[in-house]
C-alpha atoms as a PDB file:
ATOM      1  CA  LEU A   1     -87.353-158.974  97.328  1.00  0.00           C
ATOM      2  CA  LYS A   2     -89.328-159.647  94.110  1.00  0.00           C
ATOM      3  CA  ALA A   3     -86.651-162.700  93.641  1.00  0.00           C
ATOM      4  CA  SER A   4     -86.674-163.833  97.312  1.00  0.00           C
ATOM      5  CA  LEU A   5     -90.841-164.155  96.501  1.00  0.00           C
ATOM      6  CA  GLU A   6     -90.409-166.239  93.260  1.00  0.00           C
ATOM      7  CA  ALA A   7     -87.451-168.042  94.664  1.00  0.00           C
ATOM      8  CA  GLY A   8     -90.111-169.280  97.617  1.00  0.00           C
ATOM      9  CA  GLU A   9     -87.664-168.250 100.318  1.00  0.00           C
ATOM     10  CA  LEU A  10     -90.656-165.987 101.712  1.00  0.00           C
ATOM     11  CA  GLY A  11     -93.400-168.656 100.908  1.00  0.00           C
ATOM     12  CA  TRP A  12     -97.046-167.230  99.533  1.00  0.00           C
ATOM     13  CA  PRO A  13     -97.206-163.293 100.000  1.00  0.00           C
ATOM     14  CA  GLY A  14     -99.428-162.331 102.788  1.00  0.00           C
ATOM     15  CA  ALA A  15     -98.850-158.586 103.020  1.00  0.00           C
ATOM     16  CA  LEU A  16     -96.656-155.653 101.387  1.00  0.00           C
ATOM     17  CA  ARG A  17     -96.449-152.335 103.245  1.00  0.00           C
ATOM     18  CA  LEU A  18     -94.854-149.548 101.069  1.00  0.00           C
ATOM     19  CA  HIS A  19     -94.296-145.951 102.740  1.00  0.00           C
ATOM     20  CA  ARG A  20     -93.179-143.008 100.257  1.00  0.00           C
ATOM     21  CA  TRP A  21     -92.533-139.596 101.922  1.00  0.00           C
ATOM     22  CA  THR A  22     -91.775-136.467  99.971  1.00  0.00           C
ATOM     23  CA  PRO A  23     -91.052-133.036 100.771  1.00  0.00           C
ATOM     24  CA  ARG A  24     -94.006-130.746  99.995  1.00  0.00           C
ATOM     25  CA  GLY A  25     -94.544-129.904  96.394  1.00  0.00           C
ATOM     26  CA  ALA A  26     -91.972-132.128  95.209  1.00  0.00           C
ATOM     27  CA  GLU A  27     -92.011-133.141  91.370  1.00  0.00           C
ATOM     28  CA  ARG A  28     -92.802-136.591  89.901  1.00  0.00           C
ATOM     29  CA  TRP A  29     -91.274-137.234  86.683  1.00  0.00           C
ATOM     30  CA  GLY A  30     -90.850-133.788  86.110  1.00  0.00           C
ATOM     31  CA  THR A  31     -94.498-132.910  87.049  1.00  0.00           C
ATOM     32  CA  PRO A  32     -95.861-130.858  89.997  1.00  0.00           C
ATOM     33  CA  ALA A  33     -97.578-133.410  92.178  1.00  0.00           C
ATOM     34  CA  LEU A  34     -99.903-130.897  93.601  1.00  0.00           C
ATOM     35  CA  ASP A  35    -101.243-130.323  90.381  1.00  0.00           C
ATOM     36  CA  PRO A  36    -104.306-132.755  89.258  1.00  0.00           C
ATOM     37  CA  ALA A  37    -104.892-130.757  86.170  1.00  0.00           C
ATOM     38  CA  ARG A  38    -101.318-132.216  84.931  1.00  0.00           C
ATOM     39  CA  THR A  39    -101.106-135.432  86.941  1.00  0.00           C
ATOM     40  CA  GLY A  40    -105.051-136.661  86.834  1.00  0.00           C
ATOM     41  CA  GLY A  41    -105.422-137.180  90.350  1.00  0.00           C
ATOM     42  CA  THR A  42    -103.857-137.308  93.602  1.00  0.00           C
ATOM     43  CA  ALA A  43    -103.335-141.210  93.142  1.00  0.00           C
ATOM     44  CA  ILE A  44    -102.624-141.148  89.357  1.00  0.00           C
ATOM     45  CA  GLY A  45     -99.956-138.001  89.949  1.00  0.00           C
ATOM     46  CA  ALA A  46     -98.470-139.638  93.040  1.00  0.00           C
ATOM     47  CA  LEU A  47     -98.971-143.533  93.568  1.00  0.00           C
ATOM     48  CA  SER A  48     -99.281-145.286  90.309  1.00  0.00           C
ATOM     49  CA  GLU A  49     -95.332-146.215  90.513  1.00  0.00           C
ATOM     50  CA  ASP A  50     -96.143-148.083  94.023  1.00  0.00           C
ATOM     51  CA  LEU A  51     -99.448-149.286  92.674  1.00  0.00           C
ATOM     52  CA  ASP A  52     -97.293-150.716  89.522  1.00  0.00           C
ATOM     53  CA  LEU A  53     -94.961-152.478  92.215  1.00  0.00           C
ATOM     54  CA  ALA A  54     -97.935-153.676  94.274  1.00  0.00           C
ATOM     55  CA  ASN A  55     -99.644-155.289  91.050  1.00  0.00           C
ATOM     56  CA  TRP A  56     -95.856-156.874  90.462  1.00  0.00           C
ATOM     57  CA  PHE A  57     -95.573-158.498  94.101  1.00  0.00           C
ATOM     58  CA  PHE A  58     -98.755-160.132  93.836  1.00  0.00           C
ATOM     59  CA  GLY A  59     -98.721-160.946  90.415  1.00  0.00           C
ATOM     60  CA  GLY A  60    -102.021-159.023  89.287  1.00  0.00           C
ATOM     61  CA  PRO A  61    -104.221-156.193  90.167  1.00  0.00           C
ATOM     62  CA  PRO A  62    -106.223-155.902  93.447  1.00  0.00           C
ATOM     63  CA  ASN A  63    -109.768-157.172  93.487  1.00  0.00           C
ATOM     64  CA  ALA A  64    -110.567-154.674  96.117  1.00  0.00           C
ATOM     65  CA  VAL A  65    -109.633-150.703  96.816  1.00  0.00           C
ATOM     66  CA  PHE A  66    -109.995-148.334  99.470  1.00  0.00           C
ATOM     67  CA  ALA A  67    -108.272-145.175 100.144  1.00  0.00           C
ATOM     68  CA  LEU A  68    -108.400-142.348 102.988  1.00  0.00           C
ATOM     69  CA  GLY A  69    -106.806-138.887 102.088  1.00  0.00           C
ATOM     70  CA  ARG A  70    -106.079-135.730 103.952  1.00  0.00           C
ATOM     71  CA  LYS A  71    -105.106-132.353 103.196  1.00  0.00           C
ATOM     72  CA  HIS A  72    -102.650-131.456 106.044  1.00  0.00           C
ATOM     73  CA  ALA A  73    -101.502-128.090 104.642  1.00  0.00           C
ATOM     74  CA  SER A  74    -104.684-126.610 103.882  1.00  0.00           C
ATOM     75  CA  ALA A  75    -108.295-127.732 103.035  1.00  0.00           C
ATOM     76  CA  GLN A  76    -107.826-125.763  99.682  1.00  0.00           C
ATOM     77  CA  LEU A  77    -105.130-128.022  98.341  1.00  0.00           C
ATOM     78  CA  ALA A  78    -106.291-129.237  95.121  1.00  0.00           C
ATOM     79  CA  VAL A  79    -105.034-132.793  95.973  1.00  0.00           C
ATOM     80  CA  TYR A  80    -104.767-134.849  99.269  1.00  0.00           C
ATOM     81  CA  ASP A  81    -101.252-134.342 100.757  1.00  0.00           C
ATOM     82  CA  PHE A  82    -101.282-137.661 102.473  1.00  0.00           C
ATOM     83  CA  VAL A  83    -102.784-140.914 101.155  1.00  0.00           C
ATOM     84  CA  GLN A  84    -103.426-144.514 102.710  1.00  0.00           C
ATOM     85  CA  ALA A  85    -104.174-146.825 100.039  1.00  0.00           C
ATOM     86  CA  HIS A  86    -105.679-150.337 100.948  1.00  0.00           C
ATOM     87  CA  LEU A  87    -105.122-153.114  98.579  1.00  0.00           C
ATOM     88  CA  GLY A  88    -107.074-156.808  98.747  1.00  0.00           C
ATOM     89  CA  PHE A  89    -105.807-159.309  96.649  1.00  0.00           C
ATOM     90  CA  ASP A  90    -107.129-162.963  95.105  1.00  0.00           C
ATOM     91  CA  GLY A  91    -106.216-165.740  97.808  1.00  0.00           C
ATOM     92  CA  GLY A  92    -106.364-162.835 100.676  1.00  0.00           C
ATOM     93  CA  GLY A  93    -103.041-160.994 100.530  1.00  0.00           C
ATOM     94  CA  MET A  94    -103.103-157.230 101.189  1.00  0.00           C
ATOM     95  CA  ALA A  95    -101.049-154.559 100.716  1.00  0.00           C
ATOM     96  CA  LEU A  96    -101.238-150.923 102.521  1.00  0.00           C
ATOM     97  CA  LEU A  97     -99.686-148.219 100.799  1.00  0.00           C
ATOM     98  CA  ASP A  98     -99.258-144.429 102.409  1.00  0.00           C
ATOM     99  CA  TYR A  99     -97.791-141.329 100.568  1.00  0.00           C
ATOM    100  CA  ALA A 100     -96.994-138.012 102.472  1.00  0.00           C
ATOM    101  CA  MET A 101     -96.190-134.748 100.490  1.00  0.00           C
ATOM    102  CA  THR A 102     -95.649-133.141 103.944  1.00  0.00           C
ATOM    103  CA  LEU A 103     -91.872-133.293 104.706  1.00  0.00           C
ATOM    104  CA  PRO A 104     -89.844-130.398 104.817  1.00  0.00           C
ATOM    105  CA  ARG A 105     -87.675-129.326 102.301  1.00  0.00           C
ATOM    106  CA  GLY A 106     -84.439-132.100 101.575  1.00  0.00           C
ATOM    107  CA  ASP A 107     -84.432-135.943 100.700  1.00  0.00           C
ATOM    108  CA  GLY A 108     -87.571-138.006 100.774  1.00  0.00           C
ATOM    109  CA  TYR A 109     -87.982-141.628 102.315  1.00  0.00           C
ATOM    110  CA  PHE A 110     -89.285-144.968 100.734  1.00  0.00           C
ATOM    111  CA  ALA A 111     -89.096-148.166 102.578  1.00  0.00           C
ATOM    112  CA  CYS A 112     -91.001-151.648 101.095  1.00  0.00           C
ATOM    113  CA  ALA A 113     -91.753-154.350 103.468  1.00  0.00           C
ATOM    114  CA  VAL A 114     -92.930-157.927 102.351  1.00  0.00           C
ATOM    115  CA  ILE A 115     -94.341-160.528 104.900  1.00  0.00           C
ATOM    116  CA  GLY A 116     -94.756-164.024 103.444  1.00  0.00           C
ATOM    117  CA  ALA A 117     -95.822-167.499 104.708  1.00  0.00           C
ATOM    118  CA  ASP A 118     -92.389-168.484 105.497  1.00  0.00           C
ATOM    119  CA  GLY A 119     -90.482-165.132 106.107  1.00  0.00           C
ATOM    120  CA  ALA A 120     -89.988-161.382 105.398  1.00  0.00           C
ATOM    121  CA  ALA A 121     -87.604-159.201 103.711  1.00  0.00           C
ATOM    122  CA  TYR A 122     -87.506-155.067 104.040  1.00  0.00           C
ATOM    123  CA  ALA A 123     -85.852-152.623 101.758  1.00  0.00           C
ATOM    124  CA  ASP A 124     -85.508-148.902 101.894  1.00  0.00           C
ATOM    125  CA  ASP A 125     -83.356-145.915 100.157  1.00  0.00           C
ATOM    126  CA  GLN A 126     -81.550-145.112 103.294  1.00  0.00           C
ATOM    127  CA  ALA A 127     -79.569-148.512 103.504  1.00  0.00           C
ATOM    128  CA  ASN A 128     -76.387-146.485 102.005  1.00  0.00           C
ATOM    129  CA  VAL A 129     -76.899-143.500 103.864  1.00  0.00           C
ATOM    130  CA  GLN A 130     -73.411-142.985 105.610  1.00  0.00           C
ATOM    131  CA  LEU A 131     -72.666-140.920 108.554  1.00  0.00           C
ATOM    132  CA  VAL A 132     -70.069-138.098 108.208  1.00  0.00           C
ATOM    133  CA  TYR A 133     -68.304-136.444 111.007  1.00  0.00           C
ATOM    134  CA  ARG A 134     -66.849-132.960 109.996  1.00  0.00           C
ATOM    135  CA  GLY A 135     -67.146-131.061 113.224  1.00  0.00           C
ATOM    136  CA  GLY A 136     -70.655-130.250 114.833  1.00  0.00           C
ATOM    137  CA  HIS A 137     -73.685-132.689 113.797  1.00  0.00           C
ATOM    138  CA  PRO A 138     -72.983-135.333 111.541  1.00  0.00           C
ATOM    139  CA  ALA A 139     -74.019-135.513 108.179  1.00  0.00           C
ATOM    140  CA  ALA A 140     -76.207-138.345 106.303  1.00  0.00           C
ATOM    141  CA  LEU A 141     -74.767-139.125 102.791  1.00  0.00           C
ATOM    142  CA  ASN A 142     -75.972-141.430 100.232  1.00  0.00           C
ATOM    143  CA  PRO A 143     -72.916-142.107  97.859  1.00  0.00           C
ATOM    144  CA  ALA A 144     -74.815-144.030  95.690  1.00  0.00           C
ATOM    145  CA  PRO A 145     -76.191-141.892  92.363  1.00  0.00           C
ATOM    146  CA  HIS A 146     -79.851-140.914  92.739  1.00  0.00           C
ATOM    147  CA  ASP A 147     -80.444-142.140  88.887  1.00  0.00           C
ATOM    148  CA  ALA A 148     -79.398-145.693  89.631  1.00  0.00           C
ATOM    149  CA  GLN A 149     -83.162-146.982  89.625  1.00  0.00           C
ATOM    150  CA  VAL A 150     -83.540-145.200  86.384  1.00  0.00           C
ATOM    151  CA  VAL A 151     -80.326-146.762  84.991  1.00  0.00           C
ATOM    152  CA  ALA A 152     -81.181-150.487  85.601  1.00  0.00           C
ATOM    153  CA  ALA A 153     -84.653-149.731  84.138  1.00  0.00           C
ATOM    154  CA  LEU A 154     -83.149-148.271  80.669  1.00  0.00           C
ATOM    155  CA  GLN A 155     -80.522-151.056  80.634  1.00  0.00           C
ATOM    156  CA  ALA A 156     -82.920-153.693  81.007  1.00  0.00           C
ATOM    157  CA  PHE A 157     -84.956-152.083  78.118  1.00  0.00           C
ATOM    158  CA  VAL A 158     -82.018-152.205  75.971  1.00  0.00           C
ATOM    159  CA  THR A 159     -81.267-155.769  76.998  1.00  0.00           C
ATOM    160  CA  ALA A 160     -84.927-156.908  75.982  1.00  0.00           C
ATOM    161  CA  ILE A 161     -84.591-155.235  72.743  1.00  0.00           C
ATOM    162  CA  ALA A 162     -81.048-156.796  71.695  1.00  0.00           C
ATOM    163  CA  GLN A 163     -82.699-160.009  72.697  1.00  0.00           C
ATOM    164  CA  ASP A 164     -85.698-159.515  71.061  1.00  0.00           C
ATOM    165  CA  ARG A 165     -88.077-160.187  74.003  1.00  0.00           C
ATOM    166  CA  ASP A 166     -90.663-158.144  75.866  1.00  0.00           C
ATOM    167  CA  PRO A 167     -89.159-155.941  78.546  1.00  0.00           C
ATOM    168  CA  PRO A 168     -89.638-156.776  82.211  1.00  0.00           C
ATOM    169  CA  VAL A 169     -92.317-153.953  82.160  1.00  0.00           C
ATOM    170  CA  THR A 170     -94.795-153.433  79.435  1.00  0.00           C
ATOM    171  CA  GLY A 171     -97.146-150.592  78.587  1.00  0.00           C
ATOM    172  CA  ALA A 172     -99.893-152.875  79.738  1.00  0.00           C
ATOM    173  CA  ASP A 173     -98.353-152.855  83.426  1.00  0.00           C
ATOM    174  CA  GLY A 174     -98.294-149.410  83.116  1.00  0.00           C
ATOM    175  CA  ARG A 175    -101.714-148.811  82.048  1.00  0.00           C
ATOM    176  CA  LEU A 176    -102.935-151.800  84.769  1.00  0.00           C
ATOM    177  CA  ALA A 177    -101.101-149.406  87.452  1.00  0.00           C
ATOM    178  CA  LEU A 178    -103.324-146.281  86.206  1.00  0.00           C
ATOM    179  CA  GLU A 179    -106.372-148.491  86.335  1.00  0.00           C
ATOM    180  CA  VAL A 180    -105.795-149.171  90.308  1.00  0.00           C
ATOM    181  CA  ALA A 181    -104.849-145.432  90.662  1.00  0.00           C
ATOM    182  CA  ALA A 182    -108.184-144.209  89.418  1.00  0.00           C
ATOM    183  CA  ALA A 183    -109.736-146.699  91.529  1.00  0.00           C
ATOM    184  CA  VAL A 184    -107.678-145.189  94.457  1.00  0.00           C
ATOM    185  CA  ASP A 185    -108.815-141.527  93.431  1.00  0.00           C
ATOM    186  CA  ALA A 186    -112.422-142.503  92.957  1.00  0.00           C
ATOM    187  CA  SER A 187    -112.312-143.999  96.378  1.00  0.00           C
ATOM    188  CA  LEU A 188    -110.697-140.949  97.674  1.00  0.00           C
ATOM    189  CA  GLU A 189    -113.676-138.619  96.533  1.00  0.00           C
ATOM    190  CA  SER A 190    -116.597-140.798  97.048  1.00  0.00           C
ATOM    191  CA  GLY A 191    -115.176-142.420 100.378  1.00  0.00           C
ATOM    192  CA  ARG A 192    -116.407-145.900  99.169  1.00  0.00           C
ATOM    193  CA  ALA A 193    -114.339-148.963  98.241  1.00  0.00           C
ATOM    194  CA  ALA A 194    -113.789-150.141  94.942  1.00  0.00           C
ATOM    195  CA  ARG A 195    -114.126-153.615  93.482  1.00  0.00           C
ATOM    196  CA  ARG A 196    -112.743-154.961  90.338  1.00  0.00           C
ATOM    197  CA  VAL A 197    -115.565-156.417  88.325  1.00  0.00           C
ATOM    198  CA  GLY A 198    -113.948-158.122  85.175  1.00  0.00           C
ATOM    199  CA  ASP A 199    -111.505-155.525  83.808  1.00  0.00           C
ATOM    200  CA  ARG A 200    -112.662-152.265  85.565  1.00  0.00           C
ATOM    201  CA  TYR A 201    -113.432-150.845  89.087  1.00  0.00           C
ATOM    202  CA  GLU A 202    -117.127-150.134  90.302  1.00  0.00           C
ATOM    203  CA  LEU A 203    -117.483-148.007  93.363  1.00  0.00           C
ATOM    204  CA  VAL A 204    -119.573-150.336  96.132  1.00  0.00           C
END
């Protein structure tokens, strides 16, 4: 999708839509997503990866952030198990991200759609799912290894070292995603929007 944007095939990016739905209590990077003491908050623990993706698509951080959350399983949950984050970018672009930890045990779901001035593109993690019939109900199997993305990221990092250049994603990108995640968490807790002022976010 990013290559299509950079090639000008989609035109100026107007909107980004991301869904990430996971089974309840699923771990993120080996850390239980429902434990804010270990993750730093709902958005930091669950949305940082997708916020980084949004920053990447739009070429920088959002200038406005607003988030809504729900605790579907129990009002006593330490974090929100459903979050919608609305992001506004310079030039009028926007992104809507939703994250849910409410699926039953099993596989999760991820989908990404970009709408540009001249076209749109869509990707999800279901593209390689194949139906297998062995009697009874068909089974949906994904033949692609789940660690393919990690392998690709590691290869890009190794290539950058070999070529003596910065990797495609740097520590600064990670810090920026965490700043946006902290703004999302602040919006969730306060019910107010956050606006980027200089190099930080302030509630308005």
